[in-house]
C-alpha atoms as a PDB file:
ATOM      1  CA  UNK A   1       4.552 132.655   3.205  1.00  0.00           C
ATOM      2  CA  UNK A   2       0.801 133.265   3.034  1.00  0.00           C
ATOM      3  CA  UNK A   3      -0.532 134.964  -0.097  1.00  0.00           C
ATOM      4  CA  UNK A   4      -0.729 138.728   0.301  1.00  0.00           C
ATOM      5  CA  UNK A   5       1.653 138.841   3.259  1.00  0.00           C
ATOM      6  CA  UNK A   6       4.661 139.597   1.039  1.00  0.00           C
ATOM      7  CA  UNK A   7       3.385 143.108   0.438  1.00  0.00           C
ATOM      8  CA  UNK A   8       2.953 143.935   4.138  1.00  0.00           C
ATOM      9  CA  UNK A   9       5.407 146.080   6.035  1.00  0.00           C
ATOM     10  CA  UNK A  10       7.416 143.976   8.466  1.00  0.00           C
ATOM     11  CA  UNK A  11       9.212 144.564  11.741  1.00  0.00           C
ATOM     12  CA  UNK A  12      11.866 142.470  13.408  1.00  0.00           C
ATOM     13  CA  UNK A  13      10.235 140.754  16.392  1.00  0.00           C
ATOM     14  CA  UNK A  14      10.937 137.922  18.752  1.00  0.00           C
ATOM     15  CA  UNK A  15       8.310 135.250  19.347  1.00  0.00           C
ATOM     16  CA  UNK A  16       6.994 136.963  22.474  1.00  0.00           C
ATOM     17  CA  UNK A  17       6.562 140.283  20.681  1.00  0.00           C
ATOM     18  CA  UNK A  18       4.789 138.471  17.850  1.00  0.00           C
ATOM     19  CA  UNK A  19       2.291 137.016  20.325  1.00  0.00           C
ATOM     20  CA  UNK A  20       1.668 140.511  21.684  1.00  0.00           C
ATOM     21  CA  UNK A  21       1.253 141.849  18.146  1.00  0.00           C
ATOM     22  CA  UNK A  22      -1.280 139.118  17.347  1.00  0.00           C
ATOM     23  CA  UNK A  23      -3.324 139.935  20.446  1.00  0.00           C
ATOM     24  CA  UNK A  24      -3.206 143.644  19.618  1.00  0.00           C
ATOM     25  CA  UNK A  25      -4.298 142.952  16.038  1.00  0.00           C
ATOM     26  CA  UNK A  26      -7.153 140.699  17.144  1.00  0.00           C
ATOM     27  CA  UNK A  27      -8.399 143.145  19.772  1.00  0.00           C
ATOM     28  CA  UNK A  28      -8.270 146.127  17.441  1.00  0.00           C
ATOM     29  CA  UNK A  29     -10.205 144.287  14.741  1.00  0.00           C
ATOM     30  CA  UNK A  30     -12.904 142.695  16.894  1.00  0.00           C
ATOM     31  CA  UNK A  31     -14.463 144.336  19.957  1.00  0.00           C
ATOM     32  CA  UNK A  32     -15.497 140.890  21.213  1.00  0.00           C
ATOM     33  CA  UNK A  33     -11.901 139.786  21.833  1.00  0.00           C
ATOM     34  CA  UNK A  34     -10.920 139.937  25.502  1.00  0.00           C
ATOM     35  CA  UNK A  35      -7.781 138.783  27.315  1.00  0.00           C
ATOM     36  CA  UNK A  36      -7.835 137.366  30.830  1.00  0.00           C
ATOM     37  CA  UNK A  37      -5.360 135.684  33.142  1.00  0.00           C
ATOM     38  CA  UNK A  38      -3.138 136.048  36.181  1.00  0.00           C
ATOM     39  CA  UNK A  39      -1.348 139.421  36.339  1.00  0.00           C
ATOM     40  CA  UNK A  40      -1.857 140.071  32.617  1.00  0.00           C
ATOM     41  CA  UNK A  41      -3.296 143.584  33.031  1.00  0.00           C
ATOM     42  CA  UNK A  42      -0.949 146.418  33.933  1.00  0.00           C
ATOM     43  CA  UNK A  43       1.841 143.930  34.679  1.00  0.00           C
ATOM     44  CA  UNK A  44       1.558 142.249  31.267  1.00  0.00           C
ATOM     45  CA  UNK A  45       1.893 138.711  32.610  1.00  0.00           C
ATOM     46  CA  UNK A  46       4.980 136.937  33.878  1.00  0.00           C
ATOM     47  CA  UNK A  47       6.533 136.987  30.373  1.00  0.00           C
ATOM     48  CA  UNK A  48       4.995 140.385  29.398  1.00  0.00           C
ATOM     49  CA  UNK A  49       3.008 138.845  26.529  1.00  0.00           C
ATOM     50  CA  UNK A  50       0.080 141.204  27.154  1.00  0.00           C
ATOM     51  CA  UNK A  51       2.117 144.347  27.777  1.00  0.00           C
ATOM     52  CA  UNK A  52       0.256 147.623  27.089  1.00  0.00           C
ATOM     53  CA  UNK A  53      -2.965 145.906  26.024  1.00  0.00           C
ATOM     54  CA  UNK A  54      -4.848 147.059  29.114  1.00  0.00           C
ATOM     55  CA  UNK A  55      -3.618 150.612  28.556  1.00  0.00           C
ATOM     56  CA  UNK A  56      -4.862 150.495  24.975  1.00  0.00           C
ATOM     57  CA  UNK A  57      -8.154 148.609  25.352  1.00  0.00           C
ATOM     58  CA  UNK A  58      -9.128 149.166  28.974  1.00  0.00           C
ATOM     59  CA  UNK A  59      -9.751 146.973  32.003  1.00  0.00           C
ATOM     60  CA  UNK A  60     -12.961 145.555  30.531  1.00  0.00           C
ATOM     61  CA  UNK A  61     -11.057 143.824  27.726  1.00  0.00           C
ATOM     62  CA  UNK A  62      -7.714 142.942  29.346  1.00  0.00           C
ATOM     63  CA  UNK A  63      -8.037 142.045  32.985  1.00  0.00           C
ATOM     64  CA  UNK A  64      -6.534 140.097  35.859  1.00  0.00           C
ATOM     65  CA  UNK A  65      -8.179 137.011  37.303  1.00  0.00           C
ATOM     66  CA  UNK A  66      -7.848 135.322  40.700  1.00  0.00           C
ATOM     67  CA  UNK A  67      -5.087 132.728  40.970  1.00  0.00           C
ATOM     68  CA  UNK A  68      -7.311 129.818  40.015  1.00  0.00           C
ATOM     69  CA  UNK A  69      -6.861 128.093  36.689  1.00  0.00           C
ATOM     70  CA  UNK A  70     -10.173 126.277  36.927  1.00  0.00           C
ATOM     71  CA  UNK A  71     -11.848 129.630  37.483  1.00  0.00           C
ATOM     72  CA  UNK A  72     -10.025 131.229  34.555  1.00  0.00           C
ATOM     73  CA  UNK A  73     -11.243 128.549  32.162  1.00  0.00           C
ATOM     74  CA  UNK A  74     -14.727 128.346  33.633  1.00  0.00           C
ATOM     75  CA  UNK A  75     -15.151 132.094  33.209  1.00  0.00           C
ATOM     76  CA  UNK A  76     -13.624 132.038  29.711  1.00  0.00           C
ATOM     77  CA  UNK A  77     -15.967 129.243  28.607  1.00  0.00           C
ATOM     78  CA  UNK A  78     -18.904 131.264  29.852  1.00  0.00           C
ATOM     79  CA  UNK A  79     -17.708 134.333  27.972  1.00  0.00           C
ATOM     80  CA  UNK A  80     -17.303 132.320  24.762  1.00  0.00           C
ATOM     81  CA  UNK A  81     -20.725 130.691  25.151  1.00  0.00           C
ATOM     82  CA  UNK A  82     -22.280 134.171  25.362  1.00  0.00           C
ATOM     83  CA  UNK A  83     -20.603 135.466  22.203  1.00  0.00           C
ATOM     84  CA  UNK A  84     -17.321 136.949  23.414  1.00  0.00           C
ATOM     85  CA  UNK A  85     -13.962 135.825  22.013  1.00  0.00           C
ATOM     86  CA  UNK A  86     -11.833 135.188  25.113  1.00  0.00           C
ATOM     87  CA  UNK A  87      -8.093 134.547  25.046  1.00  0.00           C
ATOM     88  CA  UNK A  88      -7.285 132.995  28.415  1.00  0.00           C
ATOM     89  CA  UNK A  89      -3.685 132.838  29.601  1.00  0.00           C
ATOM     90  CA  UNK A  90      -2.422 130.044  31.833  1.00  0.00           C
ATOM     91  CA  UNK A  91       0.786 131.442  33.314  1.00  0.00           C
ATOM     92  CA  UNK A  92       2.724 128.183  32.824  1.00  0.00           C
ATOM     93  CA  UNK A  93       1.413 125.128  30.975  1.00  0.00           C
ATOM     94  CA  UNK A  94       2.299 123.067  34.053  1.00  0.00           C
ATOM     95  CA  UNK A  95      -0.611 124.772  35.841  1.00  0.00           C
ATOM     96  CA  UNK A  96      -3.191 123.953  33.199  1.00  0.00           C
ATOM     97  CA  UNK A  97      -4.064 120.721  35.024  1.00  0.00           C
ATOM     98  CA  UNK A  98      -6.419 122.292  37.596  1.00  0.00           C
ATOM     99  CA  UNK A  99      -8.383 123.500  34.549  1.00  0.00           C
ATOM    100  CA  UNK A 100      -8.207 120.133  32.782  1.00  0.00           C
ATOM    101  CA  UNK A 101     -11.799 119.218  33.602  1.00  0.00           C
ATOM    102  CA  UNK A 102     -13.102 122.550  32.328  1.00  0.00           C
ATOM    103  CA  UNK A 103     -11.178 122.159  29.055  1.00  0.00           C
ATOM    104  CA  UNK A 104     -11.773 118.500  28.181  1.00  0.00           C
ATOM    105  CA  UNK A 105     -15.184 117.952  29.794  1.00  0.00           C
ATOM    106  CA  UNK A 106     -16.798 121.326  29.126  1.00  0.00           C
ATOM    107  CA  UNK A 107     -15.122 123.362  26.377  1.00  0.00           C
ATOM    108  CA  UNK A 108     -14.424 120.390  24.103  1.00  0.00           C
ATOM    109  CA  UNK A 109     -17.942 118.953  24.423  1.00  0.00           C
ATOM    110  CA  UNK A 110     -20.125 122.076  24.405  1.00  0.00           C
ATOM    111  CA  UNK A 111     -21.063 121.936  20.735  1.00  0.00           C
ATOM    112  CA  UNK A 112     -21.492 118.146  20.626  1.00  0.00           C
ATOM    113  CA  UNK A 113     -23.688 117.829  23.694  1.00  0.00           C
ATOM    114  CA  UNK A 114     -26.082 120.548  22.485  1.00  0.00           C
ATOM    115  CA  UNK A 115     -26.438 119.267  18.945  1.00  0.00           C
ATOM    116  CA  UNK A 116     -24.697 122.452  17.764  1.00  0.00           C
ATOM    117  CA  UNK A 117     -27.307 124.687  19.376  1.00  0.00           C
ATOM    118  CA  UNK A 118     -24.593 126.408  21.450  1.00  0.00           C
ATOM    119  CA  UNK A 119     -20.809 126.276  21.702  1.00  0.00           C
ATOM    120  CA  UNK A 120     -17.715 127.992  23.092  1.00  0.00           C
ATOM    121  CA  UNK A 121     -15.770 127.866  19.846  1.00  0.00           C
ATOM    122  CA  UNK A 122     -14.412 131.380  20.311  1.00  0.00           C
ATOM    123  CA  UNK A 123     -12.188 130.233  23.164  1.00  0.00           C
ATOM    124  CA  UNK A 124      -8.391 130.282  22.901  1.00  0.00           C
ATOM    125  CA  UNK A 125      -6.153 129.132  25.752  1.00  0.00           C
ATOM    126  CA  UNK A 126      -2.566 130.405  25.666  1.00  0.00           C
ATOM    127  CA  UNK A 127       0.097 128.662  27.759  1.00  0.00           C
ATOM    128  CA  UNK A 128       3.921 128.904  27.789  1.00  0.00           C
ATOM    129  CA  UNK A 129       5.266 125.331  27.749  1.00  0.00           C
ATOM    130  CA  UNK A 130       8.452 123.280  27.613  1.00  0.00           C
ATOM    131  CA  UNK A 131      11.917 123.282  29.151  1.00  0.00           C
ATOM    132  CA  UNK A 132      15.111 125.144  28.461  1.00  0.00           C
ATOM    133  CA  UNK A 133      14.808 127.763  31.229  1.00  0.00           C
ATOM    134  CA  UNK A 134      16.016 125.706  34.230  1.00  0.00           C
ATOM    135  CA  UNK A 135      12.498 125.841  35.621  1.00  0.00           C
ATOM    136  CA  UNK A 136      12.457 122.407  37.241  1.00  0.00           C
ATOM    137  CA  UNK A 137       9.552 120.027  37.452  1.00  0.00           C
ATOM    138  CA  UNK A 138       6.736 122.584  37.843  1.00  0.00           C
ATOM    139  CA  UNK A 139       7.709 125.054  35.101  1.00  0.00           C
ATOM    140  CA  UNK A 140       9.057 122.894  32.267  1.00  0.00           C
ATOM    141  CA  UNK A 141       6.483 120.312  31.208  1.00  0.00           C
ATOM    142  CA  UNK A 142       5.137 119.640  27.714  1.00  0.00           C
ATOM    143  CA  UNK A 143       1.505 118.514  28.197  1.00  0.00           C
ATOM    144  CA  UNK A 144       0.337 118.702  24.578  1.00  0.00           C
ATOM    145  CA  UNK A 145      -0.447 114.980  24.216  1.00  0.00           C
ATOM    146  CA  UNK A 146      -3.078 115.113  26.973  1.00  0.00           C
ATOM    147  CA  UNK A 147      -5.195 117.495  24.920  1.00  0.00           C
ATOM    148  CA  UNK A 148      -4.597 115.770  21.587  1.00  0.00           C
ATOM    149  CA  UNK A 149      -6.621 112.858  23.025  1.00  0.00           C
ATOM    150  CA  UNK A 150      -9.722 115.076  23.241  1.00  0.00           C
ATOM    151  CA  UNK A 151     -12.092 115.450  20.261  1.00  0.00           C
ATOM    152  CA  UNK A 152     -13.507 118.950  20.058  1.00  0.00           C
ATOM    153  CA  UNK A 153     -10.229 120.761  20.684  1.00  0.00           C
ATOM    154  CA  UNK A 154      -7.453 121.996  18.439  1.00  0.00           C
ATOM    155  CA  UNK A 155      -3.819 122.063  19.601  1.00  0.00           C
ATOM    156  CA  UNK A 156      -1.355 124.483  18.002  1.00  0.00           C
ATOM    157  CA  UNK A 157       2.357 125.111  18.686  1.00  0.00           C
ATOM    158  CA  UNK A 158       4.442 127.730  16.805  1.00  0.00           C
ATOM    159  CA  UNK A 159       8.212 127.554  16.395  1.00  0.00           C
ATOM    160  CA  UNK A 160       8.986 131.067  15.144  1.00  0.00           C
ATOM    161  CA  UNK A 161       7.855 134.660  15.514  1.00  0.00           C
ATOM    162  CA  UNK A 162       6.211 134.660  12.079  1.00  0.00           C
ATOM    163  CA  UNK A 163       4.300 131.485  12.918  1.00  0.00           C
ATOM    164  CA  UNK A 164       3.321 132.732  16.372  1.00  0.00           C
ATOM    165  CA  UNK A 165       1.432 135.745  15.067  1.00  0.00           C
ATOM    166  CA  UNK A 166      -0.202 134.038  12.079  1.00  0.00           C
ATOM    167  CA  UNK A 167      -1.197 130.901  13.975  1.00  0.00           C
ATOM    168  CA  UNK A 168      -2.484 132.788  17.019  1.00  0.00           C
ATOM    169  CA  UNK A 169      -4.698 135.002  14.863  1.00  0.00           C
ATOM    170  CA  UNK A 170      -6.044 131.909  13.114  1.00  0.00           C
ATOM    171  CA  UNK A 171      -6.625 130.233  16.503  1.00  0.00           C
ATOM    172  CA  UNK A 172      -8.548 133.208  17.895  1.00  0.00           C
ATOM    173  CA  UNK A 173     -10.823 133.210  14.847  1.00  0.00           C
ATOM    174  CA  UNK A 174     -11.245 129.451  14.590  1.00  0.00           C
ATOM    175  CA  UNK A 175     -14.738 128.038  15.235  1.00  0.00           C
ATOM    176  CA  UNK A 176     -13.387 125.478  17.724  1.00  0.00           C
ATOM    177  CA  UNK A 177     -11.650 125.902  21.114  1.00  0.00           C
ATOM    178  CA  UNK A 178      -7.885 126.043  20.611  1.00  0.00           C
ATOM    179  CA  UNK A 179      -5.069 125.250  23.037  1.00  0.00           C
ATOM    180  CA  UNK A 180      -2.135 127.419  21.950  1.00  0.00           C
ATOM    181  CA  UNK A 181       1.153 126.307  23.498  1.00  0.00           C
ATOM    182  CA  UNK A 182       4.011 128.814  23.272  1.00  0.00           C
ATOM    183  CA  UNK A 183       7.603 127.474  23.549  1.00  0.00           C
ATOM    184  CA  UNK A 184       8.975 129.749  26.256  1.00  0.00           C
ATOM    185  CA  UNK A 185      12.581 128.630  25.718  1.00  0.00           C
ATOM    186  CA  UNK A 186      12.612 130.565  22.440  1.00  0.00           C
ATOM    187  CA  UNK A 187      10.305 133.441  23.476  1.00  0.00           C
ATOM    188  CA  UNK A 188      13.188 135.873  23.016  1.00  0.00           C
ATOM    189  CA  UNK A 189      15.655 133.686  21.128  1.00  0.00           C
ATOM    190  CA  UNK A 190      13.485 133.195  18.022  1.00  0.00           C
ATOM    191  CA  UNK A 191      13.668 136.458  16.080  1.00  0.00           C
ATOM    192  CA  UNK A 192      12.517 137.223  12.559  1.00  0.00           C
ATOM    193  CA  UNK A 193      10.663 139.536  10.226  1.00  0.00           C
ATOM    194  CA  UNK A 194       6.964 139.614  11.106  1.00  0.00           C
ATOM    195  CA  UNK A 195       4.280 141.479   9.126  1.00  0.00           C
ATOM    196  CA  UNK A 196       2.822 144.362  11.099  1.00  0.00           C
ATOM    197  CA  UNK A 197      -0.588 143.808   9.516  1.00  0.00           C
ATOM    198  CA  UNK A 198      -3.209 141.103   9.866  1.00  0.00           C
ATOM    199  CA  UNK A 199      -2.486 137.631   8.472  1.00  0.00           C
ATOM    200  CA  UNK A 200      -3.327 134.039   9.344  1.00  0.00           C
ATOM    201  CA  UNK A 201      -1.544 130.717   8.937  1.00  0.00           C
ATOM    202  CA  UNK A 202      -4.039 127.861   8.386  1.00  0.00           C
ATOM    203  CA  UNK A 203      -4.364 125.448  11.281  1.00  0.00           C
ATOM    204  CA  UNK A 204      -3.699 121.778  10.594  1.00  0.00           C
ATOM    205  CA  UNK A 205      -1.159 122.442   7.831  1.00  0.00           C
ATOM    206  CA  UNK A 206       2.492 121.469   8.349  1.00  0.00           C
ATOM    207  CA  UNK A 207       5.469 123.330   6.899  1.00  0.00           C
ATOM    208  CA  UNK A 208       8.225 121.562   4.985  1.00  0.00           C
ATOM    209  CA  UNK A 209      11.186 123.522   6.311  1.00  0.00           C
ATOM    210  CA  UNK A 210      13.863 121.653   4.361  1.00  0.00           C
ATOM    211  CA  UNK A 211      13.559 119.193   1.506  1.00  0.00           C
ATOM    212  CA  UNK A 212      15.647 116.037   1.545  1.00  0.00           C
ATOM    213  CA  UNK A 213      15.805 112.448   0.325  1.00  0.00           C
ATOM    214  CA  UNK A 214      17.245 110.164   3.034  1.00  0.00           C
ATOM    215  CA  UNK A 215      15.125 110.641   6.182  1.00  0.00           C
ATOM    216  CA  UNK A 216      12.157 112.708   7.374  1.00  0.00           C
ATOM    217  CA  UNK A 217      12.522 114.644  10.640  1.00  0.00           C
ATOM    218  CA  UNK A 218       9.307 115.843  12.319  1.00  0.00           C
ATOM    219  CA  UNK A 219       8.843 118.119  15.316  1.00  0.00           C
ATOM    220  CA  UNK A 220       7.219 121.288  16.647  1.00  0.00           C
ATOM    221  CA  UNK A 221       7.900 124.241  18.933  1.00  0.00           C
ATOM    222  CA  UNK A 222      11.364 124.829  20.355  1.00  0.00           C
ATOM    223  CA  UNK A 223      12.411 121.329  19.315  1.00  0.00           C
ATOM    224  CA  UNK A 224      12.649 122.585  15.735  1.00  0.00           C
ATOM    225  CA  UNK A 225      15.851 124.396  16.720  1.00  0.00           C
ATOM    226  CA  UNK A 226      17.446 121.080  17.694  1.00  0.00           C
ATOM    227  CA  UNK A 227      16.053 119.254  14.654  1.00  0.00           C
ATOM    228  CA  UNK A 228      17.442 121.849  12.258  1.00  0.00           C
ATOM    229  CA  UNK A 229      20.857 121.696  13.939  1.00  0.00           C
ATOM    230  CA  UNK A 230      20.848 117.907  13.629  1.00  0.00           C
ATOM    231  CA  UNK A 231      19.923 118.148   9.945  1.00  0.00           C
ATOM    232  CA  UNK A 232      22.859 120.507   9.396  1.00  0.00           C
ATOM    233  CA  UNK A 233      25.202 118.043  11.122  1.00  0.00           C
ATOM    234  CA  UNK A 234      23.859 115.191   9.024  1.00  0.00           C
ATOM    235  CA  UNK A 235      24.419 117.160   5.837  1.00  0.00           C
ATOM    236  CA  UNK A 236      28.156 117.364   6.610  1.00  0.00           C
ATOM    237  CA  UNK A 237      28.388 113.568   6.280  1.00  0.00           C
ATOM    238  CA  UNK A 238      26.216 113.377   3.184  1.00  0.00           C
ATOM    239  CA  UNK A 239      22.827 112.606   4.786  1.00  0.00           C
ATOM    240  CA  UNK A 240      19.939 114.506   3.212  1.00  0.00           C
ATOM    241  CA  UNK A 241      17.197 115.282   5.753  1.00  0.00           C
ATOM    242  CA  UNK A 242      13.671 116.440   5.015  1.00  0.00           C
ATOM    243  CA  UNK A 243      12.511 118.602   7.931  1.00  0.00           C
ATOM    244  CA  UNK A 244       8.819 119.095   8.727  1.00  0.00           C
ATOM    245  CA  UNK A 245       7.389 121.464  11.338  1.00  0.00           C
ATOM    246  CA  UNK A 246       3.902 120.194  12.212  1.00  0.00           C
ATOM    247  CA  UNK A 247       2.740 123.530  13.738  1.00  0.00           C
ATOM    248  CA  UNK A 248      -0.638 121.931  14.582  1.00  0.00           C
ATOM    249  CA  UNK A 249      -0.968 118.645  16.463  1.00  0.00           C
ATOM    250  CA  UNK A 250      -4.748 118.443  16.512  1.00  0.00           C
ATOM    251  CA  UNK A 251      -5.474 118.104  13.695  1.00  0.00           C
ATOM    252  CA  UNK A 252      -2.049 117.185  12.354  1.00  0.00           C
ATOM    253  CA  UNK A 253      -1.063 117.140   8.701  1.00  0.00           C
ATOM    254  CA  UNK A 254      -0.868 113.404   8.057  1.00  0.00           C
ATOM    255  CA  UNK A 255      -0.676 113.764   4.291  1.00  0.00           C
ATOM    256  CA  UNK A 256       2.426 115.970   4.248  1.00  0.00           C
ATOM    257  CA  UNK A 257       4.280 113.605   6.579  1.00  0.00           C
ATOM    258  CA  UNK A 258       3.134 110.486   4.710  1.00  0.00           C
ATOM    259  CA  UNK A 259       4.177 111.947   1.352  1.00  0.00           C
ATOM    260  CA  UNK A 260       7.604 112.746   2.771  1.00  0.00           C
ATOM    261  CA  UNK A 261       8.132 109.319   4.323  1.00  0.00           C
ATOM    262  CA  UNK A 262       7.021 107.623   1.096  1.00  0.00           C
ATOM    263  CA  UNK A 263       9.886 109.534  -0.548  1.00  0.00           C
ATOM    264  CA  UNK A 264      12.604 109.128   2.101  1.00  0.00           C
ATOM    265  CA  UNK A 265      11.709 105.720   3.574  1.00  0.00           C
ATOM    266  CA  UNK A 266      12.633 106.789   7.094  1.00  0.00           C
ATOM    267  CA  UNK A 267      11.022 108.841   9.873  1.00  0.00           C
ATOM    268  CA  UNK A 268      12.281 110.397  13.091  1.00  0.00           C
ATOM    269  CA  UNK A 269       9.972 112.306  15.448  1.00  0.00           C
ATOM    270  CA  UNK A 270      11.317 114.407  18.308  1.00  0.00           C
ATOM    271  CA  UNK A 271       9.582 116.176  21.188  1.00  0.00           C
ATOM    272  CA  UNK A 272      10.394 117.299  24.736  1.00  0.00           C
ATOM    273  CA  UNK A 273       7.535 115.406  26.407  1.00  0.00           C
ATOM    274  CA  UNK A 274       8.225 111.939  27.878  1.00  0.00           C
ATOM    275  CA  UNK A 275       8.380 108.967  25.529  1.00  0.00           C
ATOM    276  CA  UNK A 276       5.432 106.968  26.884  1.00  0.00           C
ATOM    277  CA  UNK A 277       2.157 108.394  25.603  1.00  0.00           C
ATOM    278  CA  UNK A 278       3.931 111.202  23.782  1.00  0.00           C
ATOM    279  CA  UNK A 279       2.444 112.431  20.516  1.00  0.00           C
ATOM    280  CA  UNK A 280       5.335 110.894  18.572  1.00  0.00           C
ATOM    281  CA  UNK A 281       3.684 107.526  19.209  1.00  0.00           C
ATOM    282  CA  UNK A 282       0.504 108.642  17.440  1.00  0.00           C
ATOM    283  CA  UNK A 283       2.509 109.885  14.470  1.00  0.00           C
ATOM    284  CA  UNK A 284       4.517 106.652  14.305  1.00  0.00           C
ATOM    285  CA  UNK A 285       1.392 104.474  14.426  1.00  0.00           C
ATOM    286  CA  UNK A 286      -0.343 106.460  11.684  1.00  0.00           C
ATOM    287  CA  UNK A 287       2.670 106.553   9.381  1.00  0.00           C
ATOM    288  CA  UNK A 288       3.412 102.840   9.681  1.00  0.00           C
ATOM    289  CA  UNK A 289      -0.205 102.178   8.666  1.00  0.00           C
ATOM    290  CA  UNK A 290       0.027 104.463   5.638  1.00  0.00           C
ATOM    291  CA  UNK A 291       3.658 103.945   4.590  1.00  0.00           C
ATOM    292  CA  UNK A 292       4.559 100.449   5.773  1.00  0.00           C
ATOM    293  CA  UNK A 293       5.824  99.249   2.386  1.00  0.00           C
ATOM    294  CA  UNK A 294       7.967 102.385   1.974  1.00  0.00           C
ATOM    295  CA  UNK A 295       9.768 102.176   5.322  1.00  0.00           C
ATOM    296  CA  UNK A 296      13.436 101.177   5.197  1.00  0.00           C
ATOM    297  CA  UNK A 297      13.969 101.287   8.977  1.00  0.00           C
ATOM    298  CA  UNK A 298      11.929 101.386  12.198  1.00  0.00           C
ATOM    299  CA  UNK A 299      10.438 104.790  13.021  1.00  0.00           C
ATOM    300  CA  UNK A 300      12.629 106.590  15.568  1.00  0.00           C
ATOM    301  CA  UNK A 301      11.461 108.639  18.552  1.00  0.00           C
ATOM    302  CA  UNK A 302      13.863 111.044  20.262  1.00  0.00           C
ATOM    303  CA  UNK A 303      12.080 112.454  23.285  1.00  0.00           C
ATOM    304  CA  UNK A 304      12.226 113.420  26.920  1.00  0.00           C
ATOM    305  CA  UNK A 305      12.622 110.762  29.601  1.00  0.00           C
ATOM    306  CA  UNK A 306       9.860 108.970  31.516  1.00  0.00           C
ATOM    307  CA  UNK A 307      10.612 110.825  34.742  1.00  0.00           C
ATOM    308  CA  UNK A 308       9.411 114.070  36.323  1.00  0.00           C
ATOM    309  CA  UNK A 309      11.216 116.973  34.667  1.00  0.00           C
ATOM    310  CA  UNK A 310      14.522 117.366  36.550  1.00  0.00           C
ATOM    311  CA  UNK A 311      16.298 120.573  37.503  1.00  0.00           C
ATOM    312  CA  UNK A 312      20.070 120.046  37.516  1.00  0.00           C
ATOM    313  CA  UNK A 313      19.750 117.214  34.973  1.00  0.00           C
ATOM    314  CA  UNK A 314      17.761 119.269  32.453  1.00  0.00           C
ATOM    315  CA  UNK A 315      20.442 118.936  29.773  1.00  0.00           C
ATOM    316  CA  UNK A 316      20.349 115.150  30.148  1.00  0.00           C
ATOM    317  CA  UNK A 317      16.553 115.085  29.989  1.00  0.00           C
ATOM    318  CA  UNK A 318      16.036 117.272  26.927  1.00  0.00           C
ATOM    319  CA  UNK A 319      16.441 115.725  23.455  1.00  0.00           C
ATOM    320  CA  UNK A 320      19.125 117.851  21.824  1.00  0.00           C
ATOM    321  CA  UNK A 321      20.639 117.965  18.331  1.00  0.00           C
ATOM    322  CA  UNK A 322      23.339 115.447  19.244  1.00  0.00           C
ATOM    323  CA  UNK A 323      20.809 112.823  20.330  1.00  0.00           C
ATOM    324  CA  UNK A 324      18.796 113.460  17.185  1.00  0.00           C
ATOM    325  CA  UNK A 325      21.905 113.213  15.011  1.00  0.00           C
ATOM    326  CA  UNK A 326      22.849 109.868  16.586  1.00  0.00           C
ATOM    327  CA  UNK A 327      19.335 108.579  15.859  1.00  0.00           C
ATOM    328  CA  UNK A 328      19.584 109.769  12.253  1.00  0.00           C
ATOM    329  CA  UNK A 329      22.862 107.895  11.739  1.00  0.00           C
ATOM    330  CA  UNK A 330      21.444 104.776  13.385  1.00  0.00           C
ATOM    331  CA  UNK A 331      18.379 104.869  11.129  1.00  0.00           C
ATOM    332  CA  UNK A 332      20.481 105.178   7.990  1.00  0.00           C
ATOM    333  CA  UNK A 333      22.689 102.297   9.150  1.00  0.00           C
ATOM    334  CA  UNK A 334      19.771  99.963   9.858  1.00  0.00           C
END
């Protein structure tokens, strides 16, 4: 827990409420912070993440946009370039692609192309992502790897209510544009004590959730639920797992993962996105470069399948704790 947070009064919140609390905290502390997106005003957005913010801060600071993702990001970039601190909501991460050009060709390059004379570093893009809600192929995707390929951006994904508030506040105040993916499968399922006050969790720093000696398990977002379940299963047969929640993918905490793998000799990375081009490949390549002589088995990837996200086959597609457990056992038996 971050220094000073222990003394704060806490309330029991789910991840969605923690996001709302972070936005409320940011808006109350900085008049430049504005929220924009589809139906986020009086309606509060499809998941109600912005509930009551328009009532509290007015229509000038929490307002609806037309149903055009490219327009949302274009407008938000302009706001940020002029000194505002916009938090733009994309209703589902699957619909971030119409805004892809604005994000990777404009927001990410603003500072670089001007020689740091101007930028849109105050921009944060929030987007619910991932499966687990039977949303089918247009409401279940995990597009984080696309943005991790783009210098100039930061990519952040919380896995708990406490993380969601602290990371979102840090993202809003970061000097670079941040893509903040929220795992909608655990919006209401992830519940914990969250400080009511203002706190930040540093971006780019992983959390060692569980210390172990036999294998390192790495993930982020809702996948941490499955990874922790797999680690518990492994413990029943005497396998000691070290569990790491990356929290930030760009930049990602290479040192924490490398130190862990040097100790355990094995690495498993799990994410919901498809295998090919998934961020697990980047982690595997980096760790084999840094820890090659420490590895006792090939690095394992337990991921989604290289198909469009299915509807009735969602359970088959998603990497669950049983698939992760099988990969753990296979790695130890190598």
